[in-house]
Amino acid sequence: MHAGGHSGRLVQHRRGRHQSPRVLVLRARQQIADRFDQLQADVSIGAGPQSVNVNITTKRQHLPAVVELVGRLLREPAFPAEPLEEVRRQSLAGLERQRTEPGAVVGNRLARHGNPYPRGDLRHAASFEESEAELRAVTLAEVKAFHRRFYSAALGEFSAVGDFDAAAVAQALERALGSWRQPAAGAFAYSRAPQPLVTVAPARLLETTRDKPNANLLGGMALPLNDLHDDFPALMLANEIFGAGGSSRLWKRVRETDGLSYDVRSGVAWSSFDANSGWRVSAIFAPQNQPPVEAAFNEELARSLKDGFTQQEVDEARSSLLKSRQLNRAQDSILSAQLANNLERQRTFASSQRVDDALAAASRYLAPASLTTVLVGDVAQVEAPLRTVLDLELP
């Protein structure tokens, strides 16, 4: 069986928020690992910007004991100094590798473009230099203070999928977390940091990574809707046809027909709260193929917005999306996570019978003139394209 959820919410804070959840699981690591082995449990603890997330996979008879052990780890961490230094070394090494990897550089550059939030705000998109400074500066005292100030189970969700004793698990949750109604430093009410849509001027950005065999292209634009919007199903379908599916127009044209890229796709990072989602297009290719890759993308987007999609494409995309969701719901770990997320968002599972106009949704939101593109690679091998998505003239 699988259990998971958000054991608590963290109020808005940035410095130290990436380190503290990882340090928690390092307490007496071997003893903890041995105990989880005895309980036949696979446990992971991670963090989002304002939450701590726990995932558990174990057997029916062991789940209550695992829940209680996780509760103790979250509430009473030891924070030895050496694990913090180990995490720091590993994080700095990973950060150093990212500085020269096109995939990491392109994502960081796009995230920072037009980000309006100051350093210290959890919504701020940090540069590699800022991230390094934060990693080097954080102290053990700050980690301990962070836990005392923010950690509690005053607000959280729990879900379990599989064979388990619901009454026994509920009792274990109560023993583990029931009295943890506020952080150790005192009451501190949770408030979700809003992420409203920010209008960003489109741009074409170039970053250099020398002596790399591949170049990366990443484009993005903000969409004024979330996954509860009436246009959500139609735009999801349009994106599936254009660039998300295995038989998408982008894949067929750029990868299969023209043989220009190793990977090409589009996707939407859907917001579940604010009307602020993001459309992304990406490609990985040899640097010398950059002009024809962009030309092919421009042409396929223009064709999609001008001519729309065929009924066969719509039917196949709908079938692909439904099968993917059905497969996900058959996997305990994914279903458990989705149930916990739905609890947070106060939703239930639902199926929709709506048939929306995918072309209308694509035309309404996917405006080429709003797209920011970032190109990262060995720019000495890249020629400026004759046309970019910002030059398109659509009927």
Protein backbone atom coordinates (compact mmCIF):
# COMPACT_ATOMS: atom_id res chain seq x y z
CA MET A 1 0.00 0.00 0.00
CA HIS A 2 1.04 3.63 -0.42
CA ALA A 3 0.44 6.63 1.79
CA GLY A 4 1.41 10.22 1.34
CA GLY A 5 0.47 13.77 1.95
CA HIS A 6 1.46 17.16 3.19
CA SER A 7 2.39 16.85 6.83
CA GLY A 8 2.28 20.58 7.31
CA ARG A 9 2.40 23.99 5.74
CA LEU A 10 5.22 26.47 5.99
CA VAL A 11 4.59 30.19 6.00
CA GLN A 12 6.47 32.35 3.53
CA HIS A 13 10.23 32.18 3.96
CA ARG A 14 13.15 31.60 1.65
CA ARG A 15 16.57 31.30 3.23
CA GLY A 16 17.22 27.77 4.44
CA ARG A 17 13.97 26.34 3.09
CA HIS A 18 15.74 23.97 0.68
CA GLN A 19 18.08 22.57 3.29
CA SER A 20 15.94 21.85 6.34
CA PRO A 21 13.76 18.96 5.05
CA ARG A 22 16.83 17.11 3.76
CA VAL A 23 18.65 17.53 7.05
CA LEU A 24 15.66 16.09 8.91
CA VAL A 25 16.08 12.64 7.40
CA LEU A 26 19.77 12.51 8.27
CA ARG A 27 19.20 12.08 11.99
CA ALA A 28 20.92 8.92 13.19
CA ARG A 29 20.70 7.78 9.61
CA GLN A 30 21.75 4.19 9.96
CA GLN A 31 19.46 3.49 12.90
CA ILE A 32 16.54 5.09 11.11
CA ALA A 33 17.30 3.20 7.90
CA ASP A 34 17.49 -0.07 9.84
CA ARG A 35 14.13 0.60 11.49
CA PHE A 36 12.47 1.40 8.18
CA ASP A 37 13.94 -1.81 6.77
CA GLN A 38 12.41 -3.75 9.65
CA LEU A 39 9.07 -2.14 8.85
CA GLN A 40 9.48 -2.91 5.12
CA ALA A 41 9.01 0.77 4.44
CA ASP A 42 10.26 3.07 1.72
CA VAL A 43 9.99 6.64 3.02
CA SER A 44 10.94 9.93 1.41
CA ILE A 45 10.64 13.41 2.87
CA GLY A 46 10.83 16.44 0.61
CA ALA A 47 9.76 20.06 0.46
CA GLY A 48 7.85 22.44 -1.73
CA PRO A 49 8.09 26.21 -1.39
CA GLN A 50 5.62 26.20 1.52
CA SER A 51 5.10 22.57 2.48
CA VAL A 52 6.75 19.40 3.69
CA ASN A 53 5.81 16.28 1.75
CA VAL A 54 6.12 12.69 2.98
CA ASN A 55 5.68 9.57 0.84
CA ILE A 56 5.43 6.10 2.38
CA THR A 57 5.27 2.67 0.78
CA THR A 58 4.89 -0.25 3.18
CA LYS A 59 2.81 -3.25 4.20
CA ARG A 60 -0.61 -3.12 5.85
CA GLN A 61 0.58 -4.25 9.27
CA HIS A 62 3.44 -1.75 9.40
CA LEU A 63 1.79 1.49 8.28
CA PRO A 64 0.73 2.73 11.76
CA ALA A 65 4.26 2.24 13.14
CA VAL A 66 5.81 3.95 10.12
CA VAL A 67 3.46 6.92 10.49
CA GLU A 68 4.44 7.30 14.14
CA LEU A 69 8.15 7.08 13.36
CA VAL A 70 7.86 9.71 10.62
CA GLY A 71 5.97 11.94 13.05
CA ARG A 72 8.80 11.71 15.57
CA LEU A 73 11.41 12.49 12.92
CA LEU A 74 9.52 15.58 11.83
CA ARG A 75 8.81 16.83 15.33
CA GLU A 76 12.11 16.01 17.06
CA PRO A 77 15.01 16.24 14.59
CA ALA A 78 18.51 15.98 16.05
CA PHE A 79 20.31 18.20 13.49
CA PRO A 80 23.90 16.90 13.81
CA ALA A 81 26.45 19.20 12.19
CA GLU A 82 28.16 16.77 9.80
CA PRO A 83 25.06 15.89 7.75
CA LEU A 84 24.45 19.59 7.12
CA GLU A 85 27.97 19.91 5.75
CA GLU A 86 27.45 16.82 3.62
CA VAL A 87 24.28 18.30 2.17
CA ARG A 88 26.09 21.57 1.57
CA ARG A 89 28.95 19.86 -0.28
CA GLN A 90 26.60 17.81 -2.42
CA SER A 91 24.40 20.80 -3.24
CA LEU A 92 27.35 23.01 -4.17
CA ALA A 93 28.80 20.28 -6.38
CA GLY A 94 25.46 19.85 -8.13
CA LEU A 95 25.13 23.60 -8.56
CA GLU A 96 28.60 23.81 -10.10
CA ARG A 97 27.65 21.15 -12.67
CA GLN A 98 24.46 23.02 -13.53
CA ARG A 99 26.36 26.21 -14.41
CA THR A 100 27.67 24.63 -17.61
CA GLU A 101 24.81 22.29 -18.49
CA PRO A 102 22.64 23.80 -21.26
CA GLY A 103 19.45 22.24 -19.85
CA ALA A 104 19.96 23.82 -16.43
CA VAL A 105 21.16 27.15 -17.79
CA VAL A 106 18.20 27.56 -20.15
CA GLY A 107 15.66 26.84 -17.40
CA ASN A 108 17.31 29.22 -14.96
CA ARG A 109 17.52 32.02 -17.52
CA LEU A 110 13.86 31.74 -18.50
CA ALA A 111 12.75 31.61 -14.86
CA ARG A 112 14.66 34.80 -14.07
CA HIS A 113 13.41 36.74 -17.10
CA GLY A 114 10.88 39.27 -15.85
CA ASN A 115 10.68 37.80 -12.34
CA PRO A 116 9.51 40.76 -10.23
CA TYR A 117 10.23 39.40 -6.75
CA PRO A 118 13.22 40.55 -4.70
CA ARG A 119 15.86 38.30 -3.26
CA GLY A 120 14.56 36.84 -0.02
CA ASP A 121 11.04 36.30 -1.39
CA LEU A 122 10.32 32.59 -1.97
CA ARG A 123 8.95 33.51 -5.42
CA HIS A 124 12.28 35.03 -6.45
CA ALA A 125 14.09 33.10 -9.19
CA ALA A 126 17.67 32.89 -7.97
CA SER A 127 20.71 32.99 -10.21
CA PHE A 128 23.39 30.34 -9.80
CA GLU A 129 25.50 32.90 -7.98
CA GLU A 130 22.71 33.74 -5.55
CA SER A 131 21.99 30.07 -4.89
CA GLU A 132 25.65 29.42 -4.17
CA ALA A 133 25.81 32.35 -1.74
CA GLU A 134 22.73 31.06 0.11
CA LEU A 135 24.12 27.53 0.32
CA ARG A 136 27.43 28.76 1.68
CA ALA A 137 25.85 31.15 4.18
CA VAL A 138 23.22 28.94 5.85
CA THR A 139 24.20 27.80 9.34
CA LEU A 140 23.11 24.98 11.60
CA ALA A 141 21.63 27.53 14.00
CA GLU A 142 19.47 28.90 11.18
CA VAL A 143 18.26 25.43 10.26
CA LYS A 144 17.24 24.76 13.86
CA ALA A 145 15.55 28.15 14.12
CA PHE A 146 13.74 27.52 10.85
CA HIS A 147 12.29 24.29 12.19
CA ARG A 148 11.23 25.92 15.46
CA ARG A 149 9.59 28.82 13.66
CA PHE A 150 7.75 27.09 10.82
CA TYR A 151 7.27 23.35 11.30
CA SER A 152 3.96 22.02 12.62
CA ALA A 153 0.99 19.92 11.59
CA ALA A 154 -1.54 22.67 12.17
CA LEU A 155 -2.61 22.38 8.54
CA GLY A 156 -2.07 19.32 6.42
CA GLU A 157 -3.55 16.47 4.41
CA PHE A 158 -3.09 12.69 4.51
CA SER A 159 -4.14 10.08 2.00
CA ALA A 160 -3.63 6.32 1.79
CA VAL A 161 -4.32 3.90 -1.05
CA GLY A 162 -4.22 0.11 -0.82
CA ASP A 163 -4.77 -2.46 1.91
CA PHE A 164 -4.67 -0.78 5.34
CA ASP A 165 -6.50 -0.55 8.65
CA ALA A 166 -8.08 2.90 8.51
CA ALA A 167 -8.87 3.07 12.23
CA ALA A 168 -5.34 2.05 13.25
CA VAL A 169 -3.78 4.54 10.84
CA ALA A 170 -6.03 7.36 12.09
CA GLN A 171 -4.98 6.58 15.67
CA ALA A 172 -1.30 6.58 14.66
CA LEU A 173 -1.72 9.95 12.96
CA GLU A 174 -3.33 11.34 16.10
CA ARG A 175 -0.54 10.05 18.31
CA ALA A 176 2.15 11.29 15.93
CA LEU A 177 0.79 14.68 14.93
CA GLY A 178 -2.43 15.40 16.80
CA SER A 179 -0.91 17.63 19.47
CA TRP A 180 1.50 19.39 17.09
CA ARG A 181 -0.80 22.32 16.48
CA GLN A 182 1.78 25.07 16.24
CA PRO A 183 5.53 25.51 15.72
CA ALA A 184 7.78 25.21 18.76
CA ALA A 185 8.49 28.96 18.66
CA GLY A 186 4.78 29.80 18.86
CA ALA A 187 1.69 30.12 16.72
CA PHE A 188 2.35 31.27 13.16
CA ALA A 189 -0.63 31.10 10.82
CA TYR A 190 -0.08 29.67 7.35
CA SER A 191 -0.81 31.90 4.38
CA ARG A 192 -0.25 30.78 0.81
CA ALA A 193 2.00 33.14 -1.12
CA PRO A 194 -0.01 34.30 -4.16
CA GLN A 195 1.46 33.85 -7.62
CA PRO A 196 -0.46 36.29 -9.83
CA LEU A 197 0.23 36.53 -13.53
CA VAL A 198 2.99 38.99 -14.30
CA THR A 199 3.13 40.59 -17.73
CA VAL A 200 6.61 40.07 -19.14
CA ALA A 201 7.91 41.68 -22.31
CA PRO A 202 8.83 38.99 -24.85
CA ALA A 203 12.51 38.64 -25.56
CA ARG A 204 15.07 36.52 -27.33
CA LEU A 205 17.88 35.59 -24.94
CA LEU A 206 21.21 33.93 -25.62
CA GLU A 207 23.52 32.18 -23.15
CA THR A 208 26.86 30.55 -23.93
CA THR A 209 28.03 27.12 -22.76
CA ARG A 210 31.34 26.38 -24.44
CA ASP A 211 32.39 22.99 -25.79
CA LYS A 212 29.02 21.34 -25.28
CA PRO A 213 27.77 18.95 -27.98
CA ASN A 214 24.14 20.01 -27.64
CA ALA A 215 22.21 23.26 -27.60
CA ASN A 216 18.91 23.81 -25.80
CA LEU A 217 16.01 26.00 -26.79
CA LEU A 218 13.32 26.87 -24.28
CA GLY A 219 10.38 29.15 -24.91
CA GLY A 220 7.68 30.27 -22.54
CA MET A 221 4.67 32.49 -22.12
CA ALA A 222 2.28 33.13 -19.25
CA LEU A 223 -1.35 32.03 -19.62
CA PRO A 224 -4.13 33.82 -17.70
CA LEU A 225 -5.94 30.67 -16.53
CA ASN A 226 -5.66 27.78 -14.09
CA ASP A 227 -6.83 24.18 -14.20
CA LEU A 228 -10.37 25.13 -13.15
CA HIS A 229 -10.87 27.50 -16.07
CA ASP A 230 -13.48 26.61 -18.69
CA ASP A 231 -10.78 26.61 -21.37
CA PHE A 232 -8.53 24.17 -19.49
CA PRO A 233 -9.71 20.97 -21.27
CA ALA A 234 -9.56 22.50 -24.73
CA LEU A 235 -6.12 24.03 -24.30
CA MET A 236 -4.78 20.80 -22.78
CA LEU A 237 -6.07 18.97 -25.85
CA ALA A 238 -4.55 21.55 -28.23
CA ASN A 239 -1.17 21.26 -26.52
CA GLU A 240 -1.32 17.46 -26.69
CA ILE A 241 -1.78 17.65 -30.44
CA PHE A 242 0.81 20.34 -31.00
CA GLY A 243 3.71 19.16 -28.89
CA ALA A 244 2.99 16.94 -25.90
CA GLY A 245 1.98 13.60 -27.33
CA GLY A 246 4.19 10.93 -28.85
CA SER A 247 2.61 11.62 -32.22
CA SER A 248 2.48 15.40 -31.85
CA ARG A 249 3.05 17.76 -34.74
CA LEU A 250 6.31 19.03 -33.29
CA TRP A 251 7.72 15.54 -32.79
CA LYS A 252 6.69 14.33 -36.24
CA ARG A 253 8.07 17.39 -38.00
CA VAL A 254 11.24 18.26 -36.11
CA ARG A 255 12.34 14.84 -34.89
CA GLU A 256 10.97 12.28 -37.37
CA THR A 257 10.58 14.10 -40.70
CA ASP A 258 13.42 16.64 -40.57
CA GLY A 259 15.67 14.71 -38.14
CA LEU A 260 16.86 17.94 -36.54
CA SER A 261 16.59 17.35 -32.79
CA TYR A 262 17.07 14.72 -30.13
CA ASP A 263 13.98 15.89 -28.27
CA VAL A 264 11.25 18.43 -28.91
CA ARG A 265 8.00 19.04 -27.02
CA SER A 266 5.58 21.51 -25.52
CA GLY A 267 3.74 21.48 -22.22
CA VAL A 268 1.73 23.53 -19.77
CA ALA A 269 2.68 24.05 -16.13
CA TRP A 270 -0.87 24.32 -14.83
CA SER A 271 -1.57 26.38 -11.75
CA SER A 272 -4.20 24.98 -9.42
CA PHE A 273 -4.77 28.28 -7.64
CA ASP A 274 -3.88 31.54 -9.38
CA ALA A 275 -4.83 32.32 -12.98
CA ASN A 276 -1.18 32.04 -13.94
CA SER A 277 -0.10 28.95 -15.85
CA GLY A 278 2.86 28.70 -18.19
CA TRP A 279 3.21 27.27 -21.70
CA ARG A 280 6.66 25.89 -22.50
CA VAL A 281 8.27 24.64 -25.70
CA SER A 282 11.68 22.99 -25.72
CA ALA A 283 14.16 21.32 -28.03
CA ILE A 284 17.60 19.71 -27.74
CA PHE A 285 19.73 19.65 -30.89
CA ALA A 286 23.18 19.99 -32.35
CA PRO A 287 24.09 23.72 -32.31
CA GLN A 288 24.37 23.94 -36.11
CA ASN A 289 20.73 22.80 -36.42
CA GLN A 290 19.36 25.78 -34.53
CA PRO A 291 18.05 27.81 -37.53
CA PRO A 292 16.05 24.96 -39.12
CA VAL A 293 14.76 23.81 -35.70
CA GLU A 294 13.33 27.24 -35.00
CA ALA A 295 11.99 27.57 -38.54
CA ALA A 296 10.17 24.24 -38.21
CA PHE A 297 8.70 25.27 -34.87
CA ASN A 298 7.53 28.60 -36.26
CA GLU A 299 5.91 26.94 -39.25
CA GLU A 300 4.10 24.30 -37.20
CA LEU A 301 2.76 26.85 -34.73
CA ALA A 302 1.59 29.12 -37.54
CA ARG A 303 -0.07 26.17 -39.32
CA SER A 304 -1.82 25.08 -36.15
CA LEU A 305 -3.16 28.53 -35.37
CA LYS A 306 -4.25 29.14 -38.97
CA ASP A 307 -5.72 25.78 -39.97
CA GLY A 308 -6.57 24.17 -36.65
CA PHE A 309 -6.58 20.43 -36.04
CA THR A 310 -8.22 17.48 -37.73
CA GLN A 311 -10.95 15.42 -36.10
CA GLN A 312 -8.60 12.44 -36.11
CA GLU A 313 -5.97 14.42 -34.20
CA VAL A 314 -8.54 15.54 -31.65
CA ASP A 315 -9.86 12.01 -31.14
CA GLU A 316 -6.37 10.51 -30.80
CA ALA A 317 -5.23 13.23 -28.39
CA ARG A 318 -8.34 12.81 -26.25
CA SER A 319 -7.84 9.06 -26.14
CA SER A 320 -4.16 9.46 -25.22
CA LEU A 321 -4.93 11.86 -22.38
CA LEU A 322 -7.71 9.68 -20.98
CA LYS A 323 -5.57 6.54 -21.11
CA SER A 324 -2.72 8.34 -19.37
CA ARG A 325 -4.99 9.47 -16.57
CA GLN A 326 -6.53 6.06 -16.20
CA LEU A 327 -3.06 4.51 -15.99
CA ASN A 328 -2.00 7.04 -13.36
CA ARG A 329 -5.06 6.28 -11.24
CA ALA A 330 -4.16 2.60 -11.33
CA GLN A 331 -0.83 3.33 -9.62
CA ASP A 332 -1.12 3.67 -5.85
CA SER A 333 1.68 6.19 -5.44
CA ILE A 334 0.27 8.58 -8.05
CA LEU A 335 -3.30 8.17 -6.85
CA SER A 336 -2.31 8.80 -3.24
CA ALA A 337 -0.46 11.98 -4.16
CA GLN A 338 -3.39 13.20 -6.25
CA LEU A 339 -5.83 12.54 -3.43
CA ALA A 340 -3.69 14.57 -1.04
CA ASN A 341 -3.44 17.40 -3.57
CA ASN A 342 -7.19 17.37 -4.08
CA LEU A 343 -7.72 17.59 -0.33
CA GLU A 344 -5.52 20.68 -0.26
CA ARG A 345 -7.44 22.21 -3.15
CA GLN A 346 -10.82 21.05 -1.79
CA ARG A 347 -11.61 19.04 -4.90
CA THR A 348 -12.82 15.58 -5.80
CA PHE A 349 -12.09 13.44 -8.84
CA ALA A 350 -14.44 14.16 -11.73
CA SER A 351 -14.70 13.21 -15.37
CA SER A 352 -15.84 15.71 -17.97
CA GLN A 353 -18.02 15.02 -20.98
CA ARG A 354 -17.25 18.41 -22.54
CA VAL A 355 -15.99 18.69 -26.10
CA ASP A 356 -14.24 22.06 -26.49
CA ASP A 357 -12.85 23.75 -29.52
CA ALA A 358 -9.09 23.12 -29.32
CA LEU A 359 -8.32 25.61 -32.10
CA ALA A 360 -10.25 28.39 -30.37
CA ALA A 361 -8.37 27.79 -27.14
CA ALA A 362 -4.99 27.68 -28.89
CA SER A 363 -5.75 30.86 -30.84
CA ARG A 364 -6.94 32.61 -27.69
CA TYR A 365 -3.85 31.93 -25.61
CA LEU A 366 -0.85 30.83 -27.70
CA ALA A 367 0.19 34.20 -29.09
CA PRO A 368 3.59 33.98 -30.84
CA ALA A 369 4.33 37.62 -30.07
CA SER A 370 4.18 36.88 -26.34
CA LEU A 371 6.75 34.09 -26.40
CA THR A 372 10.14 34.54 -24.77
CA THR A 373 12.81 32.22 -26.16
CA VAL A 374 16.13 31.30 -24.56
CA LEU A 375 18.88 29.66 -26.60
CA VAL A 376 21.78 28.06 -24.73
CA GLY A 377 24.78 26.36 -26.29
CA ASP A 378 28.11 26.92 -27.95
CA VAL A 379 27.02 30.09 -29.72
CA ALA A 380 30.10 30.11 -31.93
CA GLN A 381 28.36 27.34 -33.89
CA VAL A 382 24.95 29.03 -33.99
CA GLU A 383 23.83 31.36 -36.73
CA ALA A 384 21.08 33.90 -36.19
CA PRO A 385 17.85 32.62 -37.76
CA LEU A 386 16.24 34.54 -40.57
CA ARG A 387 12.85 34.41 -38.81
CA THR A 388 11.85 33.89 -35.20
CA VAL A 389 8.49 33.41 -33.57
CA LEU A 390 8.46 37.14 -32.90
CA ASP A 391 8.49 37.82 -36.66
CA LEU A 392 5.43 35.73 -37.49
CA GLU A 393 2.51 37.41 -39.22
CA LEU A 394 -0.62 35.40 -38.75
CA PRO A 395 -3.92 35.87 -40.56
